[in-house]
Protein backbone atom coordinates (compact mmCIF):
# COMPACT_ATOMS: atom_id res chain seq x y z
CA MET A 1 -0.05 -0.02 0.07
CA GLN A 2 1.17 3.40 -0.80
CA ARG A 3 1.21 6.13 1.26
CA GLY A 4 2.58 9.62 1.55
CA TRP A 5 1.49 13.33 3.00
CA GLY A 6 -0.57 14.56 0.38
CA GLY A 7 -0.09 15.85 -3.06
CA HIS A 8 -0.21 19.59 -2.17
CA LEU A 9 3.18 18.88 -0.55
CA ALA A 10 4.61 18.03 -3.82
CA ALA A 11 3.24 21.00 -5.53
CA GLU A 12 4.13 23.32 -2.72
CA LYS A 13 7.73 22.17 -2.89
CA GLN A 14 8.01 22.18 -6.76
CA GLY A 15 10.63 24.67 -7.73
CA LYS A 16 12.56 24.71 -4.62
CA GLY A 17 15.12 22.04 -5.56
CA GLY A 18 18.22 21.87 -7.58
CA HIS A 19 18.56 25.17 -8.87
CA PHE A 20 20.96 27.65 -6.87
CA PHE A 21 23.39 30.17 -7.61
CA ALA A 22 25.68 32.54 -6.07
CA HIS A 23 26.90 35.86 -6.96
CA GLY A 24 29.32 38.54 -5.28
CA ALA A 25 28.74 41.73 -3.75
CA ALA A 26 27.82 43.41 -7.09
CA SER A 27 27.94 47.31 -6.83
CA SER A 28 28.61 50.53 -9.21
CA ALA A 29 29.25 53.58 -8.42
CA ALA A 30 30.04 56.69 -10.19
CA GLU A 31 32.58 59.06 -8.08
CA HIS A 32 33.06 62.44 -9.70
CA ARG A 33 36.32 64.23 -8.48
CA ALA A 34 38.15 67.04 -9.36
CA ALA A 35 40.80 64.91 -11.17
CA GLY A 36 38.46 62.74 -13.10
CA LYS A 37 35.69 60.12 -13.05
CA THR A 38 36.03 56.53 -11.85
CA ARG A 39 33.93 53.80 -12.22
CA VAL A 40 33.65 50.54 -10.24
CA SER A 41 32.58 47.68 -12.36
CA PRO A 42 30.21 44.92 -11.04
CA GLN A 43 32.11 41.98 -9.48
CA ILE A 44 30.66 38.30 -10.26
CA CYS A 45 32.02 35.20 -8.51
CA PHE A 46 31.28 31.88 -10.28
CA VAL A 47 30.91 28.52 -8.17
CA PRO A 48 31.69 25.17 -9.73
CA ALA A 49 28.55 23.23 -10.74
CA ASP A 50 29.62 20.34 -8.64
CA ALA A 51 30.17 22.32 -5.56
CA MET A 52 26.76 24.00 -5.97
CA ALA A 53 24.99 20.38 -6.66
CA ARG A 54 26.72 19.37 -3.13
CA ILE A 55 25.26 22.60 -1.36
CA GLY A 56 21.87 21.86 -3.07
CA ALA A 57 21.77 18.19 -1.76
CA GLU A 58 22.35 19.30 1.71
CA GLN A 59 19.61 22.05 1.55
CA GLU A 60 16.83 20.39 0.17
CA VAL A 61 15.67 18.71 3.44
CA GLU A 62 12.27 19.19 4.98
CA ASN A 63 11.30 18.43 8.44
CA LEU A 64 7.62 17.55 8.33
CA SER A 65 7.07 16.21 11.94
CA GLY A 66 4.46 18.67 12.32
CA LEU A 67 2.09 16.55 9.93
CA SER A 68 2.64 13.48 12.09
CA THR A 69 -0.33 12.12 14.10
CA SER A 70 1.81 10.87 16.85
CA PRO A 71 3.58 13.31 19.09
CA GLU A 72 6.64 11.18 19.33
CA LYS A 73 7.04 10.29 15.74
CA ASP A 74 8.96 12.64 13.27
CA ILE A 75 9.14 12.79 9.67
CA PHE A 76 11.87 13.88 7.34
CA VAL A 77 12.44 14.34 3.74
CA VAL A 78 15.27 14.33 1.35
CA ARG A 79 15.14 15.91 -1.98
CA ASP A 80 17.58 15.77 -5.10
CA ASN A 81 16.92 17.98 -7.95
CA GLY A 82 13.39 18.72 -6.82
CA THR A 83 12.71 15.21 -6.34
CA THR A 84 11.98 13.15 -3.32
CA CYS A 85 14.99 10.66 -2.94
CA LEU A 86 14.60 9.84 0.98
CA MET A 87 11.83 9.67 3.28
CA ALA A 88 11.85 8.57 7.03
CA GLU A 89 9.51 8.70 10.01
CA PHE A 90 9.94 7.02 13.15
CA ALA A 91 10.00 7.76 16.84
CA ALA A 92 13.54 7.41 18.54
CA ARG A 93 14.72 7.53 21.89
CA LEU A 94 18.30 6.94 22.98
CA MET A 95 19.36 5.59 26.54
CA VAL A 96 22.88 6.92 27.38
CA PRO A 97 24.84 5.65 30.73
CA TYR A 98 26.75 8.55 32.48
CA ASP A 99 28.55 8.56 36.04
CA VAL A 100 27.53 10.97 38.89
CA SER A 101 28.96 11.19 42.44
CA ALA A 102 27.57 9.21 45.02
CA THR A 103 26.25 10.69 48.45
CA ASN A 104 29.84 10.12 50.01
CA TYR A 105 31.39 11.83 47.08
CA VAL A 106 33.96 9.05 46.49
CA ASP A 107 32.08 6.20 44.63
CA LEU A 108 30.34 6.60 41.43
CA ILE A 109 26.90 5.51 40.55
CA THR A 110 25.61 5.11 36.87
CA GLU A 111 22.71 6.93 35.74
CA GLU A 112 20.68 6.86 32.76
CA ALA A 113 19.75 9.48 30.39
CA GLU A 114 16.58 9.24 28.28
CA ILE A 115 17.16 11.38 25.04
CA PRO A 116 14.12 11.87 22.68
CA LEU A 117 14.35 13.17 19.18
CA ALA A 118 13.21 16.70 19.48
CA ARG A 119 10.68 17.98 16.80
CA GLY A 120 12.38 21.01 15.96
CA ALA A 121 15.59 19.03 14.78
CA GLU A 122 17.95 20.31 12.31
CA VAL A 123 18.00 17.92 9.13
CA ARG A 124 20.76 17.32 6.67
CA GLY A 125 20.80 14.48 4.23
CA LYS A 126 22.41 13.04 0.99
CA CYS A 127 21.32 10.54 -1.72
CA GLY A 128 22.94 8.38 -3.82
CA THR A 129 22.31 5.55 -6.13
CA THR A 130 23.95 2.97 -3.66
CA GLU A 131 24.56 5.10 -0.59
CA SER A 132 22.29 7.51 1.29
CA GLU A 133 22.79 9.42 4.51
CA LEU A 134 20.13 11.28 6.97
CA GLN A 135 21.65 13.51 9.83
CA ILE A 136 19.55 14.86 12.47
CA SER A 137 20.79 17.35 15.09
CA TRP A 138 18.93 18.95 17.90
CA LEU A 139 19.60 21.41 21.01
CA ASP A 140 21.99 23.75 19.24
CA LYS A 141 23.80 20.26 17.72
CA VAL A 142 24.57 19.12 21.27
CA TYR A 143 22.89 16.02 19.87
CA THR A 144 23.76 14.59 16.51
CA LEU A 145 22.05 11.29 15.25
CA LYS A 146 23.48 9.81 11.77
CA LEU A 147 21.80 7.14 9.97
CA TYR A 148 23.59 5.55 6.72
CA PHE A 149 21.74 3.33 4.27
CA VAL A 150 23.30 1.33 1.36
CA LYS A 151 22.01 -0.88 -1.45
CA GLU A 152 23.74 -3.93 -2.39
CA GLY A 153 23.23 -7.50 -4.05
CA HIS A 154 21.80 -10.15 -1.80
CA ASN A 155 22.26 -14.07 -2.57
CA THR A 156 18.95 -15.74 -2.15
CA THR A 157 18.50 -19.56 -2.75
CA LYS A 158 17.11 -18.91 -6.26
CA ARG A 159 19.00 -15.64 -7.58
CA GLN A 160 20.71 -12.48 -6.40
CA GLU A 161 18.38 -9.93 -5.50
CA ALA A 162 18.92 -6.12 -4.78
CA VAL A 163 18.18 -5.07 -1.40
CA TRP A 164 18.93 -2.10 0.95
CA LYS A 165 19.89 -1.85 4.58
CA MET A 166 20.91 0.50 7.38
CA ASN A 167 24.53 -0.29 7.48
CA LYS A 168 25.81 2.18 10.32
CA ILE A 169 24.44 4.34 13.09
CA GLN A 170 26.48 7.05 14.57
CA PHE A 171 25.33 9.32 17.71
CA VAL A 172 27.35 12.43 18.95
CA TYR A 173 26.33 13.87 22.25
CA ASP A 174 27.85 15.82 25.03
CA SER A 175 27.23 14.96 28.78
CA SER A 176 27.88 18.65 29.64
CA GLU A 177 24.55 19.47 28.76
CA ARG A 178 22.07 19.80 31.69
CA THR A 179 18.56 18.77 30.23
CA TYR A 180 19.27 15.25 30.20
CA PHE A 181 22.67 15.08 31.97
CA LYS A 182 22.33 15.65 35.69
CA ASP A 183 25.64 16.37 37.54
CA ALA A 184 27.69 14.24 35.12
CA VAL A 185 31.10 13.45 36.43
CA ASN A 186 33.96 14.37 33.71
CA PRO A 187 31.40 15.55 31.37
CA GLY A 188 32.30 16.17 27.70
CA LYS A 189 31.70 15.09 24.03
CA HIS A 190 31.04 11.44 23.04
CA THR A 191 30.61 9.32 19.88
CA ALA A 192 28.75 6.44 19.82
CA ASN A 193 28.93 4.12 16.96
CA SER A 194 27.26 0.68 15.78
CA HIS A 195 29.49 -2.57 14.83
CA HIS A 196 28.78 -4.72 11.76
CA LEU A 197 25.37 -3.25 11.63
CA SER A 198 22.89 -4.84 8.86
CA ALA A 199 19.42 -3.73 9.93
CA LEU A 200 16.04 -3.07 8.24
CA LEU A 201 16.84 -5.32 5.30
CA THR A 202 14.26 -4.64 2.30
CA PRO A 203 14.03 -5.60 -1.23
CA ALA A 204 14.97 -2.67 -3.40
CA GLY A 205 12.07 -0.53 -4.46
CA LYS A 206 10.08 -1.15 -1.38
CA SER A 207 9.93 0.89 1.80
CA TYR A 208 10.51 -0.61 5.32
CA GLU A 209 7.76 -0.38 7.88
CA CYS A 210 7.89 -1.65 11.64
CA GLN A 211 5.59 -0.75 14.16
CA ALA A 212 7.06 -2.75 17.00
CA GLN A 213 9.98 -1.25 19.08
CA GLN A 214 13.51 -2.09 17.59
CA THR A 215 16.73 -1.97 20.14
CA ILE A 216 20.12 -1.21 18.47
CA SER A 217 23.18 -1.06 20.69
CA LEU A 218 25.90 1.68 19.87
CA ILE A 219 29.41 1.50 21.62
CA THR A 220 31.37 4.46 22.65
CA SER A 221 34.69 5.22 21.30
CA ASP A 222 36.42 4.27 24.36
CA HIS A 223 34.54 1.19 24.42
CA GLN A 224 33.29 1.70 27.96
CA ARG A 225 29.44 2.56 27.61
CA THR A 226 26.75 0.98 25.39
CA VAL A 227 24.05 3.37 24.25
CA ILE A 228 20.95 2.14 23.45
CA LEU A 229 18.73 3.39 20.30
CA LEU A 230 15.08 2.55 20.54
CA LEU A 231 13.12 2.85 17.23
CA SER A 232 9.42 2.35 16.77
CA GLU A 233 6.56 3.13 14.29
CA VAL A 234 9.63 3.10 11.65
CA ARG A 235 8.55 3.84 8.05
CA ILE A 236 12.01 4.37 5.85
CA GLN A 237 12.67 4.36 2.19
CA PRO A 238 16.15 5.54 1.28
CA PHE A 239 16.36 4.67 -2.38
CA ASP A 240 13.92 4.36 -5.45
CA ILE A 241 11.14 6.39 -4.52
CA SER A 242 8.62 6.84 -7.56
CA ALA A 243 6.76 9.41 -6.56
CA ASP A 244 6.90 12.73 -4.34
CA PHE A 245 6.24 12.29 -0.94
CA ILE A 246 4.82 8.65 -1.25
CA PHE A 247 6.19 5.62 0.06
CA SER A 248 6.51 2.48 -2.22
CA GLU A 249 4.95 -0.85 -1.23
CA GLU A 250 5.84 -1.72 2.40
CA HIS A 251 7.89 -4.58 3.50
CA LYS A 252 6.92 -5.30 7.16
CA CYS A 253 9.42 -6.52 9.64
CA PRO A 254 9.23 -10.15 11.00
CA VAL A 255 7.91 -8.63 14.26
CA ASP A 256 4.92 -7.08 12.93
CA GLU A 257 4.18 -10.06 10.51
CA ARG A 258 4.21 -12.35 13.72
CA GLU A 259 1.95 -10.12 15.64
CA GLN A 260 -0.58 -9.66 12.61
CA LEU A 261 -0.58 -13.50 12.57
CA GLU A 262 -1.37 -13.77 16.42
CA GLU A 263 -3.98 -11.17 15.86
CA THR A 264 -5.72 -13.20 12.84
CA LEU A 265 -5.13 -16.88 14.18
CA PRO A 266 -7.68 -16.71 16.70
CA LEU A 267 -10.35 -15.49 14.24
CA ILE A 268 -9.25 -18.14 11.76
CA LEU A 269 -9.67 -20.72 14.68
CA GLY A 270 -13.09 -19.51 15.57
CA LEU A 271 -14.34 -19.49 11.93
CA ILE A 272 -13.22 -23.19 11.63
CA LEU A 273 -14.94 -24.25 14.91
CA GLY A 274 -18.06 -22.45 13.85
CA LEU A 275 -18.15 -24.12 10.57
CA MET A 276 -17.55 -27.47 12.49
CA ILE A 277 -20.49 -26.89 14.75
CA VAL A 278 -22.80 -26.09 11.85
CA ILE A 279 -21.62 -29.24 9.83
CA THR A 280 -22.14 -31.47 13.11
CA ILE A 281 -25.78 -29.77 13.57
CA CYS A 282 -26.45 -30.50 9.72
CA ILE A 283 -25.49 -34.01 10.04
CA TYR A 284 -27.66 -34.70 13.14
CA HIS A 285 -30.83 -33.38 11.53
CA ILE A 286 -29.85 -35.32 8.40
CA HIS A 287 -29.66 -38.53 10.52
CA HIS A 288 -33.04 -37.74 12.45
CA LYS A 289 -35.05 -37.10 9.49
CA LEU A 290 -33.67 -40.90 7.99
CA THR A 291 -34.49 -42.79 11.04
CA ALA A 292 -37.81 -40.89 11.92
CA ASN A 293 -39.92 -42.94 9.23
CA GLN A 294 -38.19 -46.29 10.23
CA VAL A 295 -40.28 -48.90 12.50
CA GLN A 296 -39.09 -49.08 16.09
CA LEU A 297 -38.86 -52.61 17.21
CA PRO A 298 -40.05 -52.87 20.96
CA ARG A 299 -37.15 -53.72 23.14
CA ASP A 300 -39.14 -55.82 25.60
CA ARG A 301 -39.19 -59.59 23.77
CA SER A 302 -42.61 -60.34 25.19
CA GLN A 303 -44.42 -57.50 22.98
CA TYR A 304 -43.04 -59.59 19.81
CA LYS A 305 -46.04 -61.86 19.83
CA HIS A 306 -48.51 -58.88 19.40
CA MET A 307 -46.85 -57.85 16.39
CA GLY A 308 -47.93 -59.40 13.04
């Protein structure tokens, strides 16, 4: 099933992407002096096309979280040359451990900061044929979450099929920030990365959908802390989007498929049980009609002499 955020968005954003230009501070002035007249010519600064393409790719990003029906879910769109090339909507929280001083001011106690993805986050993104990236920053870039996607061949039992997946996650944070880190000992900037990640595996040309909560572990650069990324209500497509602001056919995660089966299984069993009851009642009625017209023999042998 295809789903998007409305055709009016495509019309509204038309003409925003792909066309960028720059020029220097052009000015002209005529100064009349006693010795003569001086003319200042306009100065134009030309920027290489490939540099402007990179600038355009970074600027063509939309944070559409205000359209989300869930207060915890964010929506991000990356556009390249006026065309949607990456779409993502999900709810995200990060559980980050940090040290605080104990009451004796000698020992250390590990606390856990729960950091939600802010609604007004700053977004950057890049699209490619086989690689895409989504970068989300909030609270003046104190927190930055980077998601990396790759499209590649995948061997199956029948043939090699193209698939895409999320192959890397990076989270940068500063424990000196006081909103979520209370009295952290030795505060400072930290970076946590995934290792050998192969998540959200999806056939090429489809979007990934998973309502269930998923847990991904990130390890800090000093290998002393494990940061947990919690993702839920996920719908992502980083490649092969055929229409603006519209997801392609969804590929459901195994957890959602299992939950859907668990929901429908009782209904199927109920229908089967009801059908068996109906069949049993029908057989009983048929048997009753067939035996109703038959002569009933007396069970008492003494009554046989009265027969005939």
